Amino acid sequence: MTKPAAPKRYLPTSPFKAPVTAAPKHFAVGDRVTHDMYGLGRVIGVEEGIAALVDFGSVQHRILSPYSKMSKL
């Protein structure tokens, strides 16, 4: 298995603009979410900017920020 390519570094003096990073996702207690690995769930706890505790039915997981595999429904 190959490793993904390292992200490009942009110098401050470069004429090319660095891509804009997406704003961090924020979840609230009660939000319905979907996760790439665990499926559908509901947020039952939030540690602001650190993690979200999500109930996926049979199991609860603490999903760490930046929540790249989780999205709000």
C-alpha atoms as a PDB file:
ATOM      1  CA  MET A   1       0.000   0.000   0.000  1.00  0.00           C
ATOM      2  CA  THR A   2       1.393   3.394  -0.928  1.00  0.00           C
ATOM      3  CA  LYS A   3       1.327   6.472   1.248  1.00  0.00           C
ATOM      4  CA  PRO A   4      -0.647   9.503   0.065  1.00  0.00           C
ATOM      5  CA  ALA A   5       1.391  12.368  -1.288  1.00  0.00           C
ATOM      6  CA  ALA A   6       2.529  14.979   1.213  1.00  0.00           C
ATOM      7  CA  PRO A   7       0.634  18.291   1.047  1.00  0.00           C
ATOM      8  CA  LYS A   8       2.330  21.027  -0.949  1.00  0.00           C
ATOM      9  CA  ARG A   9       4.068  23.814   0.904  1.00  0.00           C
ATOM     10  CA  TYR A  10       3.364  27.342  -0.286  1.00  0.00           C
ATOM     11  CA  LEU A  11       5.956  30.037   0.269  1.00  0.00           C
ATOM     12  CA  PRO A  12       4.649  33.430   1.434  1.00  0.00           C
ATOM     13  CA  THR A  13       6.378  35.103  -1.529  1.00  0.00           C
ATOM     14  CA  SER A  14       4.867  32.729  -4.101  1.00  0.00           C
ATOM     15  CA  PRO A  15       2.614  34.313  -6.755  1.00  0.00           C
ATOM     16  CA  PHE A  16       0.348  31.267  -6.558  1.00  0.00           C
ATOM     17  CA  LYS A  17      -2.312  31.290  -3.858  1.00  0.00           C
ATOM     18  CA  ALA A  18      -2.537  28.428  -1.409  1.00  0.00           C
ATOM     19  CA  PRO A  19      -5.883  26.606  -1.513  1.00  0.00           C
ATOM     20  CA  VAL A  20      -8.385  27.852   1.026  1.00  0.00           C
ATOM     21  CA  THR A  21      -8.944  25.372   3.833  1.00  0.00           C
ATOM     22  CA  ALA A  22     -12.532  24.590   4.734  1.00  0.00           C
ATOM     23  CA  ALA A  23     -13.898  25.966   7.995  1.00  0.00           C
ATOM     24  CA  PRO A  24     -13.903  23.417  10.813  1.00  0.00           C
ATOM     25  CA  LYS A  25     -17.155  21.567  11.247  1.00  0.00           C
ATOM     26  CA  HIS A  26     -19.212  22.224  14.360  1.00  0.00           C
ATOM     27  CA  PHE A  27     -21.648  19.725  15.794  1.00  0.00           C
ATOM     28  CA  ALA A  28     -24.303  20.183  18.461  1.00  0.00           C
ATOM     29  CA  VAL A  29     -25.893  17.642  20.780  1.00  0.00           C
ATOM     30  CA  GLY A  30     -28.750  15.953  18.947  1.00  0.00           C
ATOM     31  CA  ASP A  31     -27.357  16.395  15.423  1.00  0.00           C
ATOM     32  CA  ARG A  32     -27.789  13.417  13.101  1.00  0.00           C
ATOM     33  CA  VAL A  33     -24.490  12.483  11.437  1.00  0.00           C
ATOM     34  CA  THR A  34     -23.019   9.934   9.092  1.00  0.00           C
ATOM     35  CA  HIS A  35     -19.512   8.524   9.398  1.00  0.00           C
ATOM     36  CA  ASP A  36     -17.583   6.742   6.636  1.00  0.00           C
ATOM     37  CA  MET A  37     -16.691   3.804   8.878  1.00  0.00           C
ATOM     38  CA  TYR A  38     -19.441   3.610  11.533  1.00  0.00           C
ATOM     39  CA  GLY A  39     -22.530   4.708   9.559  1.00  0.00           C
ATOM     40  CA  LEU A  40     -25.480   6.716  10.894  1.00  0.00           C
ATOM     41  CA  GLY A  41     -25.437   8.162  14.391  1.00  0.00           C
ATOM     42  CA  ARG A  42     -26.523  10.942  16.724  1.00  0.00           C
ATOM     43  CA  VAL A  43     -24.225  13.339  18.600  1.00  0.00           C
ATOM     44  CA  ILE A  44     -24.683  12.863  22.352  1.00  0.00           C
ATOM     45  CA  GLY A  45     -21.791  14.991  23.600  1.00  0.00           C
ATOM     46  CA  VAL A  46     -19.446  17.700  22.365  1.00  0.00           C
ATOM     47  CA  GLU A  47     -15.996  18.770  23.557  1.00  0.00           C
ATOM     48  CA  GLU A  48     -15.747  22.085  21.705  1.00  0.00           C
ATOM     49  CA  GLY A  49     -12.994  21.941  19.085  1.00  0.00           C
ATOM     50  CA  ILE A  50     -11.627  18.632  20.392  1.00  0.00           C
ATOM     51  CA  ALA A  51     -14.068  15.768  19.889  1.00  0.00           C
ATOM     52  CA  ALA A  52     -17.675  14.674  19.548  1.00  0.00           C
ATOM     53  CA  LEU A  53     -19.228  11.683  21.300  1.00  0.00           C
ATOM     54  CA  VAL A  54     -21.510   9.907  18.833  1.00  0.00           C
ATOM     55  CA  ASP A  55     -24.008   7.097  19.449  1.00  0.00           C
ATOM     56  CA  PHE A  56     -24.083   4.740  16.460  1.00  0.00           C
ATOM     57  CA  GLY A  57     -26.786   2.483  17.903  1.00  0.00           C
ATOM     58  CA  SER A  58     -24.837  -0.490  19.172  1.00  0.00           C
ATOM     59  CA  VAL A  59     -21.688   1.429  20.106  1.00  0.00           C
ATOM     60  CA  GLN A  60     -20.575   4.915  21.111  1.00  0.00           C
ATOM     61  CA  HIS A  61     -17.407   6.470  19.700  1.00  0.00           C
ATOM     62  CA  ARG A  62     -15.455   9.613  20.486  1.00  0.00           C
ATOM     63  CA  ILE A  63     -14.661  11.147  17.098  1.00  0.00           C
ATOM     64  CA  LEU A  64     -11.707  13.553  17.188  1.00  0.00           C
ATOM     65  CA  SER A  65     -11.593  16.875  15.355  1.00  0.00           C
ATOM     66  CA  PRO A  66     -11.267  17.781  12.385  1.00  0.00           C
ATOM     67  CA  TYR A  67     -14.044  15.248  11.646  1.00  0.00           C
ATOM     68  CA  SER A  68     -12.775  14.462   8.140  1.00  0.00           C
ATOM     69  CA  LYS A  69     -14.877  11.302   7.826  1.00  0.00           C
ATOM     70  CA  MET A  70     -18.028  12.621   9.499  1.00  0.00           C
ATOM     71  CA  SER A  71     -20.701  14.914   8.072  1.00  0.00           C
ATOM     72  CA  LYS A  72     -23.979  16.364   9.321  1.00  0.00           C
ATOM     73  CA  LEU A  73     -27.242  15.129   7.791  1.00  0.00           C
END
